[in-house]
Amino acid sequence: MLSARPMHRHPNIAAWQREEDGSYKSEIDGFAVHVVWRSESRDASVPRGFLWKVEGPNGEKAEAAEVIEEIEIAMSLGEDAARHAAAEAGASAG
């Protein structure tokens, strides 16, 4: 099922880098954000769209719970997750 998230979200980081495989990467406060495209599957129940993943410097991880139809929304949600994880990491360190 594709996400029903609002269409007005946009990434805030201008430094997203396109990778050779067509995915996009960025970094927020030491947390790597990666957005990948999942293409159509032979299984009609598996939707196509974008998925985001976040990895922190100490092995912290977060990922999309659902496929996102628009790349801008996937990037924005990945950025939000990275900021949240960085804030939590900072709070637990202090």
PDB file of N, CA and C in Angstrom:
ATOM      1  N   MET A   1       0.844  -1.180   0.000  1.00  0.00           N
ATOM      2  CA  MET A   1       0.000   0.000   0.000  1.00  0.00           C
ATOM      3  C   MET A   1       0.888   1.242   0.000  1.00  0.00           C
ATOM      4  N   LEU A   2       0.598   2.172  -0.854  1.00  0.00           N
ATOM      5  CA  LEU A   2       1.383   3.399  -0.925  1.00  0.00           C
ATOM      6  C   LEU A   2       0.960   4.347   0.175  1.00  0.00           C
ATOM      7  N   SER A   3       1.886   5.140   0.597  1.00  0.00           N
ATOM      8  CA  SER A   3       1.645   6.081   1.677  1.00  0.00           C
ATOM      9  C   SER A   3       0.631   7.144   1.287  1.00  0.00           C
ATOM     10  N   ALA A   4      -0.192   7.534   2.251  1.00  0.00           N
ATOM     11  CA  ALA A   4      -1.155   8.608   2.039  1.00  0.00           C
ATOM     12  C   ALA A   4      -0.655   9.890   2.703  1.00  0.00           C
ATOM     13  N   ARG A   5       0.641  10.039   2.846  1.00  0.00           N
ATOM     14  CA  ARG A   5       1.240  11.221   3.482  1.00  0.00           C
ATOM     15  C   ARG A   5       0.935  12.470   2.663  1.00  0.00           C
ATOM     16  N   PRO A   6       0.898  13.625   3.321  1.00  0.00           N
ATOM     17  CA  PRO A   6       0.638  14.886   2.598  1.00  0.00           C
ATOM     18  C   PRO A   6       1.690  15.140   1.527  1.00  0.00           C
ATOM     19  N   MET A   7       1.286  15.690   0.422  1.00  0.00           N
ATOM     20  CA  MET A   7       2.175  15.922  -0.705  1.00  0.00           C
ATOM     21  C   MET A   7       3.013  17.198  -0.552  1.00  0.00           C
ATOM     22  N   HIS A   8       2.820  17.988   0.490  1.00  0.00           N
ATOM     23  CA  HIS A   8       3.534  19.253   0.625  1.00  0.00           C
ATOM     24  C   HIS A   8       4.876  19.127   1.329  1.00  0.00           C
ATOM     25  N   ARG A   9       5.282  17.937   1.723  1.00  0.00           N
ATOM     26  CA  ARG A   9       6.578  17.745   2.376  1.00  0.00           C
ATOM     27  C   ARG A   9       7.685  17.771   1.338  1.00  0.00           C
ATOM     28  N   HIS A  10       8.804  18.379   1.705  1.00  0.00           N
ATOM     29  CA  HIS A  10       9.963  18.428   0.821  1.00  0.00           C
ATOM     30  C   HIS A  10      11.218  18.243   1.659  1.00  0.00           C
ATOM     31  N   PRO A  11      12.270  17.685   1.061  1.00  0.00           N
ATOM     32  CA  PRO A  11      13.521  17.553   1.809  1.00  0.00           C
ATOM     33  C   PRO A  11      14.080  18.923   2.148  1.00  0.00           C
ATOM     34  N   ASN A  12      14.774  18.996   3.267  1.00  0.00           N
ATOM     35  CA  ASN A  12      15.349  20.260   3.717  1.00  0.00           C
ATOM     36  C   ASN A  12      16.835  20.358   3.410  1.00  0.00           C
ATOM     37  N   ILE A  13      17.465  19.234   3.153  1.00  0.00           N
ATOM     38  CA  ILE A  13      18.897  19.209   2.885  1.00  0.00           C
ATOM     39  C   ILE A  13      19.125  19.333   1.385  1.00  0.00           C
ATOM     40  N   ALA A  14      19.964  20.275   1.010  1.00  0.00           N
ATOM     41  CA  ALA A  14      20.260  20.471  -0.409  1.00  0.00           C
ATOM     42  C   ALA A  14      21.372  19.539  -0.887  1.00  0.00           C
ATOM     43  N   ALA A  15      22.046  18.868   0.038  1.00  0.00           N
ATOM     44  CA  ALA A  15      23.233  18.081  -0.311  1.00  0.00           C
ATOM     45  C   ALA A  15      22.937  16.600  -0.537  1.00  0.00           C
ATOM     46  N   TRP A  16      21.766  16.260  -1.016  1.00  0.00           N
ATOM     47  CA  TRP A  16      21.488  14.869  -1.360  1.00  0.00           C
ATOM     48  C   TRP A  16      22.363  14.496  -2.558  1.00  0.00           C
ATOM     49  N   GLN A  17      23.009  13.339  -2.481  1.00  0.00           N
ATOM     50  CA  GLN A  17      23.889  12.900  -3.565  1.00  0.00           C
ATOM     51  C   GLN A  17      23.283  11.688  -4.251  1.00  0.00           C
ATOM     52  N   ARG A  18      23.230  11.746  -5.572  1.00  0.00           N
ATOM     53  CA  ARG A  18      22.729  10.607  -6.339  1.00  0.00           C
ATOM     54  C   ARG A  18      23.852   9.583  -6.490  1.00  0.00           C
ATOM     55  N   GLU A  19      23.542   8.344  -6.177  1.00  0.00           N
ATOM     56  CA  GLU A  19      24.502   7.251  -6.279  1.00  0.00           C
ATOM     57  C   GLU A  19      24.408   6.608  -7.664  1.00  0.00           C
ATOM     58  N   GLU A  20      25.414   5.823  -8.024  1.00  0.00           N
ATOM     59  CA  GLU A  20      25.431   5.162  -9.329  1.00  0.00           C
ATOM     60  C   GLU A  20      24.238   4.234  -9.537  1.00  0.00           C
ATOM     61  N   ASP A  21      23.722   3.655  -8.462  1.00  0.00           N
ATOM     62  CA  ASP A  21      22.592   2.736  -8.583  1.00  0.00           C
ATOM     63  C   ASP A  21      21.242   3.453  -8.650  1.00  0.00           C
ATOM     64  N   GLY A  22      21.260   4.801  -8.634  1.00  0.00           N
ATOM     65  CA  GLY A  22      20.030   5.578  -8.720  1.00  0.00           C
ATOM     66  C   GLY A  22      19.437   5.957  -7.378  1.00  0.00           C
ATOM     67  N   SER A  23      20.018   5.478  -6.294  1.00  0.00           N
ATOM     68  CA  SER A  23      19.543   5.851  -4.967  1.00  0.00           C
ATOM     69  C   SER A  23      20.123   7.213  -4.574  1.00  0.00           C
ATOM     70  N   TYR A  24      19.682   7.739  -3.446  1.00  0.00           N
ATOM     71  CA  TYR A  24      20.156   9.033  -2.964  1.00  0.00           C
ATOM     72  C   TYR A  24      20.630   8.893  -1.527  1.00  0.00           C
ATOM     73  N   LYS A  25      21.708   9.616  -1.195  1.00  0.00           N
ATOM     74  CA  LYS A  25      22.266   9.594   0.157  1.00  0.00           C
ATOM     75  C   LYS A  25      22.513  11.009   0.652  1.00  0.00           C
ATOM     76  N   SER A  26      22.426  11.151   1.975  1.00  0.00           N
ATOM     77  CA  SER A  26      22.749  12.403   2.635  1.00  0.00           C
ATOM     78  C   SER A  26      23.175  12.082   4.057  1.00  0.00           C
ATOM     79  N   GLU A  27      23.572  13.107   4.794  1.00  0.00           N
ATOM     80  CA  GLU A  27      23.988  12.923   6.184  1.00  0.00           C
ATOM     81  C   GLU A  27      23.446  14.051   7.038  1.00  0.00           C
ATOM     82  N   ILE A  28      22.987  13.691   8.233  1.00  0.00           N
ATOM     83  CA  ILE A  28      22.503  14.668   9.211  1.00  0.00           C
ATOM     84  C   ILE A  28      23.120  14.313  10.554  1.00  0.00           C
ATOM     85  N   ASP A  29      23.910  15.204  11.103  1.00  0.00           N
ATOM     86  CA  ASP A  29      24.522  15.026  12.419  1.00  0.00           C
ATOM     87  C   ASP A  29      25.165  13.652  12.595  1.00  0.00           C
ATOM     88  N   GLY A  30      25.882  13.183  11.577  1.00  0.00           N
ATOM     89  CA  GLY A  30      26.565  11.904  11.648  1.00  0.00           C
ATOM     90  C   GLY A  30      25.700  10.702  11.304  1.00  0.00           C
ATOM     91  N   PHE A  31      24.436  10.924  11.003  1.00  0.00           N
ATOM     92  CA  PHE A  31      23.521   9.847  10.629  1.00  0.00           C
ATOM     93  C   PHE A  31      23.365   9.821   9.117  1.00  0.00           C
ATOM     94  N   ALA A  32      23.624   8.667   8.515  1.00  0.00           N
ATOM     95  CA  ALA A  32      23.504   8.497   7.072  1.00  0.00           C
ATOM     96  C   ALA A  32      22.056   8.200   6.712  1.00  0.00           C
ATOM     97  N   VAL A  33      21.545   8.913   5.716  1.00  0.00           N
ATOM     98  CA  VAL A  33      20.184   8.705   5.221  1.00  0.00           C
ATOM     99  C   VAL A  33      20.297   8.201   3.792  1.00  0.00           C
ATOM    100  N   HIS A  34      19.564   7.133   3.491  1.00  0.00           N
ATOM    101  CA  HIS A  34      19.640   6.506   2.167  1.00  0.00           C
ATOM    102  C   HIS A  34      18.217   6.263   1.672  1.00  0.00           C
ATOM    103  N   VAL A  35      17.905   6.762   0.488  1.00  0.00           N
ATOM    104  CA  VAL A  35      16.586   6.571  -0.121  1.00  0.00           C
ATOM    105  C   VAL A  35      16.766   5.736  -1.385  1.00  0.00           C
ATOM    106  N   VAL A  36      16.031   4.633  -1.458  1.00  0.00           N
ATOM    107  CA  VAL A  36      16.130   3.723  -2.601  1.00  0.00           C
ATOM    108  C   VAL A  36      14.762   3.525  -3.240  1.00  0.00           C
ATOM    109  N   TRP A  37      14.777   3.192  -4.526  1.00  0.00           N
ATOM    110  CA  TRP A  37      13.570   2.892  -5.287  1.00  0.00           C
ATOM    111  C   TRP A  37      13.346   1.385  -5.291  1.00  0.00           C
ATOM    112  N   ARG A  38      12.141   0.975  -4.976  1.00  0.00           N
ATOM    113  CA  ARG A  38      11.774  -0.433  -5.107  1.00  0.00           C
ATOM    114  C   ARG A  38      10.849  -0.540  -6.307  1.00  0.00           C
ATOM    115  N   SER A  39      11.287  -1.256  -7.331  1.00  0.00           N
ATOM    116  CA  SER A  39      10.505  -1.349  -8.565  1.00  0.00           C
ATOM    117  C   SER A  39       9.349  -2.332  -8.415  1.00  0.00           C
ATOM    118  N   GLU A  40       8.522  -2.361  -9.443  1.00  0.00           N
ATOM    119  CA  GLU A  40       7.366  -3.246  -9.433  1.00  0.00           C
ATOM    120  C   GLU A  40       7.806  -4.693  -9.300  1.00  0.00           C
ATOM    121  N   SER A  41       6.985  -5.455  -8.632  1.00  0.00           N
ATOM    122  CA  SER A  41       7.251  -6.860  -8.417  1.00  0.00           C
ATOM    123  C   SER A  41       6.220  -7.688  -9.183  1.00  0.00           C
ATOM    124  N   ARG A  42       6.534  -8.920  -9.397  1.00  0.00           N
ATOM    125  CA  ARG A  42       5.541  -9.818 -10.003  1.00  0.00           C
ATOM    126  C   ARG A  42       4.384 -10.050  -9.047  1.00  0.00           C
ATOM    127  N   ASP A  43       4.662  -9.866  -7.770  1.00  0.00           N
ATOM    128  CA  ASP A  43       3.629  -9.999  -6.739  1.00  0.00           C
ATOM    129  C   ASP A  43       2.905  -8.664  -6.639  1.00  0.00           C
ATOM    130  N   ALA A  44       1.650  -8.627  -7.037  1.00  0.00           N
ATOM    131  CA  ALA A  44       0.877  -7.383  -7.063  1.00  0.00           C
ATOM    132  C   ALA A  44       0.675  -6.773  -5.675  1.00  0.00           C
ATOM    133  N   SER A  45       0.873  -7.548  -4.628  1.00  0.00           N
ATOM    134  CA  SER A  45       0.694  -7.011  -3.274  1.00  0.00           C
ATOM    135  C   SER A  45       1.918  -6.238  -2.788  1.00  0.00           C
ATOM    136  N   VAL A  46       3.017  -6.280  -3.547  1.00  0.00           N
ATOM    137  CA  VAL A  46       4.243  -5.569  -3.191  1.00  0.00           C
ATOM    138  C   VAL A  46       4.303  -4.293  -4.031  1.00  0.00           C
ATOM    139  N   PRO A  47       4.028  -3.141  -3.416  1.00  0.00           N
ATOM    140  CA  PRO A  47       3.984  -1.897  -4.198  1.00  0.00           C
ATOM    141  C   PRO A  47       5.369  -1.382  -4.571  1.00  0.00           C
ATOM    142  N   ARG A  48       5.403  -0.614  -5.637  1.00  0.00           N
ATOM    143  CA  ARG A  48       6.642   0.051  -6.022  1.00  0.00           C
ATOM    144  C   ARG A  48       6.675   1.409  -5.339  1.00  0.00           C
ATOM    145  N   GLY A  49       7.857   1.938  -5.174  1.00  0.00           N
ATOM    146  CA  GLY A  49       7.998   3.251  -4.557  1.00  0.00           C
ATOM    147  C   GLY A  49       9.334   3.381  -3.854  1.00  0.00           C
ATOM    148  N   PHE A  50       9.438   4.386  -3.010  1.00  0.00           N
ATOM    149  CA  PHE A  50      10.688   4.714  -2.340  1.00  0.00           C
ATOM    150  C   PHE A  50      10.677   4.252  -0.893  1.00  0.00           C
ATOM    151  N   LEU A  51      11.821   3.810  -0.431  1.00  0.00           N
ATOM    152  CA  LEU A  51      12.039   3.421   0.962  1.00  0.00           C
ATOM    153  C   LEU A  51      13.247   4.190   1.480  1.00  0.00           C
ATOM    154  N   TRP A  52      13.212   4.607   2.738  1.00  0.00           N
ATOM    155  CA  TRP A  52      14.356   5.292   3.330  1.00  0.00           C
ATOM    156  C   TRP A  52      14.920   4.447   4.458  1.00  0.00           C
ATOM    157  N   LYS A  53      16.212   4.616   4.714  1.00  0.00           N
ATOM    158  CA  LYS A  53      16.913   3.960   5.823  1.00  0.00           C
ATOM    159  C   LYS A  53      17.840   4.979   6.453  1.00  0.00           C
ATOM    160  N   VAL A  54      18.015   4.864   7.756  1.00  0.00           N
ATOM    161  CA  VAL A  54      18.921   5.733   8.509  1.00  0.00           C
ATOM    162  C   VAL A  54      19.857   4.849   9.317  1.00  0.00           C
ATOM    163  N   GLU A  55      21.149   5.172   9.278  1.00  0.00           N
ATOM    164  CA  GLU A  55      22.131   4.476  10.103  1.00  0.00           C
ATOM    165  C   GLU A  55      22.965   5.492  10.846  1.00  0.00           C
ATOM    166  N   GLY A  56      23.130   5.243  12.151  1.00  0.00           N
ATOM    167  CA  GLY A  56      23.901   6.146  12.986  1.00  0.00           C
ATOM    168  C   GLY A  56      25.326   5.680  13.187  1.00  0.00           C
ATOM    169  N   PRO A  57      26.152   6.544  13.748  1.00  0.00           N
ATOM    170  CA  PRO A  57      27.572   6.227  13.928  1.00  0.00           C
ATOM    171  C   PRO A  57      27.819   5.103  14.933  1.00  0.00           C
ATOM    172  N   ASN A  58      26.849   4.833  15.780  1.00  0.00           N
ATOM    173  CA  ASN A  58      27.001   3.778  16.786  1.00  0.00           C
ATOM    174  C   ASN A  58      26.102   2.578  16.498  1.00  0.00           C
ATOM    175  N   GLY A  59      25.725   2.420  15.235  1.00  0.00           N
ATOM    176  CA  GLY A  59      24.907   1.273  14.847  1.00  0.00           C
ATOM    177  C   GLY A  59      23.412   1.482  14.958  1.00  0.00           C
ATOM    178  N   GLU A  60      22.980   2.695  15.293  1.00  0.00           N
ATOM    179  CA  GLU A  60      21.552   2.970  15.363  1.00  0.00           C
ATOM    180  C   GLU A  60      20.948   2.811  13.968  1.00  0.00           C
ATOM    181  N   LYS A  61      19.724   2.277  13.905  1.00  0.00           N
ATOM    182  CA  LYS A  61      19.071   2.083  12.609  1.00  0.00           C
ATOM    183  C   LYS A  61      17.591   2.420  12.697  1.00  0.00           C
ATOM    184  N   ALA A  62      17.085   2.925  11.587  1.00  0.00           N
ATOM    185  CA  ALA A  62      15.648   3.166  11.432  1.00  0.00           C
ATOM    186  C   ALA A  62      15.351   3.010   9.953  1.00  0.00           C
ATOM    187  N   GLU A  63      14.124   2.610   9.634  1.00  0.00           N
ATOM    188  CA  GLU A  63      13.758   2.483   8.228  1.00  0.00           C
ATOM    189  C   GLU A  63      12.262   2.703   8.052  1.00  0.00           C
ATOM    190  N   ALA A  64      11.899   2.958   6.810  1.00  0.00           N
ATOM    191  CA  ALA A  64      10.508   3.213   6.463  1.00  0.00           C
ATOM    192  C   ALA A  64       9.652   1.990   6.784  1.00  0.00           C
ATOM    193  N   ALA A  65       8.475   2.251   7.314  1.00  0.00           N
ATOM    194  CA  ALA A  65       7.529   1.177   7.597  1.00  0.00           C
ATOM    195  C   ALA A  65       6.638   0.894   6.400  1.00  0.00           C
ATOM    196  N   GLU A  66       6.648   1.821   5.445  1.00  0.00           N
ATOM    197  CA  GLU A  66       5.813   1.668   4.263  1.00  0.00           C
ATOM    198  C   GLU A  66       6.494   2.295   3.053  1.00  0.00           C
ATOM    199  N   VAL A  67       6.072   1.875   1.890  1.00  0.00           N
ATOM    200  CA  VAL A  67       6.589   2.416   0.643  1.00  0.00           C
ATOM    201  C   VAL A  67       5.992   3.804   0.432  1.00  0.00           C
ATOM    202  N   ILE A  68       6.830   4.737  -0.003  1.00  0.00           N
ATOM    203  CA  ILE A  68       6.412   6.117  -0.235  1.00  0.00           C
ATOM    204  C   ILE A  68       6.397   6.363  -1.742  1.00  0.00           C
ATOM    205  N   GLU A  69       5.332   6.929  -2.248  1.00  0.00           N
ATOM    206  CA  GLU A  69       5.197   7.130  -3.692  1.00  0.00           C
ATOM    207  C   GLU A  69       6.086   8.247  -4.228  1.00  0.00           C
ATOM    208  N   GLU A  70       6.274   9.309  -3.470  1.00  0.00           N
ATOM    209  CA  GLU A  70       7.043  10.471  -3.932  1.00  0.00           C
ATOM    210  C   GLU A  70       8.412  10.521  -3.264  1.00  0.00           C
ATOM    211  N   ILE A  71       9.454  10.728  -4.058  1.00  0.00           N
ATOM    212  CA  ILE A  71      10.815  10.757  -3.516  1.00  0.00           C
ATOM    213  C   ILE A  71      11.002  11.905  -2.522  1.00  0.00           C
ATOM    214  N   GLU A  72      10.383  13.056  -2.787  1.00  0.00           N
ATOM    215  CA  GLU A  72      10.541  14.199  -1.883  1.00  0.00           C
ATOM    216  C   GLU A  72      10.012  13.869  -0.488  1.00  0.00           C
ATOM    217  N   ILE A  73       8.932  13.139  -0.440  1.00  0.00           N
ATOM    218  CA  ILE A  73       8.358  12.757   0.849  1.00  0.00           C
ATOM    219  C   ILE A  73       9.252  11.732   1.540  1.00  0.00           C
ATOM    220  N   ALA A  74       9.761  10.760   0.785  1.00  0.00           N
ATOM    221  CA  ALA A  74      10.662   9.766   1.371  1.00  0.00           C
ATOM    222  C   ALA A  74      11.918  10.436   1.924  1.00  0.00           C
ATOM    223  N   MET A  75      12.471  11.384   1.178  1.00  0.00           N
ATOM    224  CA  MET A  75      13.654  12.109   1.651  1.00  0.00           C
ATOM    225  C   MET A  75      13.340  12.882   2.928  1.00  0.00           C
ATOM    226  N   SER A  76      12.221  13.570   2.937  1.00  0.00           N
ATOM    227  CA  SER A  76      11.823  14.363   4.094  1.00  0.00           C
ATOM    228  C   SER A  76      11.614  13.485   5.326  1.00  0.00           C
ATOM    229  N   LEU A  77      10.957  12.345   5.152  1.00  0.00           N
ATOM    230  CA  LEU A  77      10.732  11.432   6.276  1.00  0.00           C
ATOM    231  C   LEU A  77      12.046  10.830   6.768  1.00  0.00           C
ATOM    232  N   GLY A  78      12.958  10.527   5.851  1.00  0.00           N
ATOM    233  CA  GLY A  78      14.277  10.041   6.245  1.00  0.00           C
ATOM    234  C   GLY A  78      15.047  11.088   7.029  1.00  0.00           C
ATOM    235  N   GLU A  79      14.964  12.334   6.574  1.00  0.00           N
ATOM    236  CA  GLU A  79      15.616  13.439   7.297  1.00  0.00           C
ATOM    237  C   GLU A  79      15.037  13.567   8.705  1.00  0.00           C
ATOM    238  N   ASP A  80      13.717  13.511   8.811  1.00  0.00           N
ATOM    239  CA  ASP A  80      13.062  13.608  10.125  1.00  0.00           C
ATOM    240  C   ASP A  80      13.529  12.484  11.049  1.00  0.00           C
ATOM    241  N   ALA A  81      13.610  11.270  10.513  1.00  0.00           N
ATOM    242  CA  ALA A  81      14.043  10.124  11.316  1.00  0.00           C
ATOM    243  C   ALA A  81      15.490  10.291  11.769  1.00  0.00           C
ATOM    244  N   ALA A  82      16.348  10.811  10.891  1.00  0.00           N
ATOM    245  CA  ALA A  82      17.751  11.029  11.256  1.00  0.00           C
ATOM    246  C   ALA A  82      17.871  12.084  12.352  1.00  0.00           C
ATOM    247  N   ARG A  83      17.122  13.175  12.226  1.00  0.00           N
ATOM    248  CA  ARG A  83      17.151  14.220  13.252  1.00  0.00           C
ATOM    249  C   ARG A  83      16.661  13.683  14.600  1.00  0.00           C
ATOM    250  N   HIS A  84      15.593  12.897  14.552  1.00  0.00           N
ATOM    251  CA  HIS A  84      15.036  12.313  15.780  1.00  0.00           C
ATOM    252  C   HIS A  84      16.050  11.357  16.416  1.00  0.00           C
ATOM    253  N   ALA A  85      16.668  10.499  15.595  1.00  0.00           N
ATOM    254  CA  ALA A  85      17.659   9.561  16.117  1.00  0.00           C
ATOM    255  C   ALA A  85      18.871  10.293  16.696  1.00  0.00           C
ATOM    256  N   ALA A  86      19.301  11.364  16.011  1.00  0.00           N
ATOM    257  CA  ALA A  86      20.446  12.138  16.510  1.00  0.00           C
ATOM    258  C   ALA A  86      20.100  12.807  17.837  1.00  0.00           C
ATOM    259  N   ALA A  87      18.881  13.329  17.954  1.00  0.00           N
ATOM    260  CA  ALA A  87      18.464  13.949  19.212  1.00  0.00           C
ATOM    261  C   ALA A  87      18.405  12.927  20.333  1.00  0.00           C
ATOM    262  N   GLU A  88      17.879  11.741  20.040  1.00  0.00           N
ATOM    263  CA  GLU A  88      17.822  10.690  21.047  1.00  0.00           C
ATOM    264  C   GLU A  88      19.217  10.238  21.459  1.00  0.00           C
ATOM    265  N   ALA A  89      20.118  10.102  20.488  1.00  0.00           N
ATOM    266  CA  ALA A  89      21.490   9.703  20.781  1.00  0.00           C
ATOM    267  C   ALA A  89      22.172  10.750  21.654  1.00  0.00           C
ATOM    268  N   GLY A  90      21.919  12.024  21.369  1.00  0.00           N
ATOM    269  CA  GLY A  90      22.484  13.110  22.161  1.00  0.00           C
ATOM    270  C   GLY A  90      21.928  13.135  23.578  1.00  0.00           C
ATOM    271  N   ALA A  91      20.636  12.854  23.704  1.00  0.00           N
ATOM    272  CA  ALA A  91      19.987  12.845  25.015  1.00  0.00           C
ATOM    273  C   ALA A  91      20.493  11.687  25.871  1.00  0.00           C
ATOM    274  N   SER A  92      20.719  10.533  25.256  1.00  0.00           N
ATOM    275  CA  SER A  92      21.186   9.374  26.027  1.00  0.00           C
ATOM    276  C   SER A  92      22.673   9.475  26.370  1.00  0.00           C
ATOM    277  N   ALA A  93      23.416  10.282  25.591  1.00  0.00           N
ATOM    278  CA  ALA A  93      24.843  10.469  25.853  1.00  0.00           C
ATOM    279  C   ALA A  93      25.082  11.487  26.958  1.00  0.00           C
ATOM    280  N   GLY A  94      24.087  12.360  27.139  1.00  0.00           N
ATOM    281  CA  GLY A  94      24.264  13.455  28.088  1.00  0.00           C
ATOM    282  C   GLY A  94      23.639  13.219  29.359  1.00  0.00           C
TER     283      GLY A  94
END
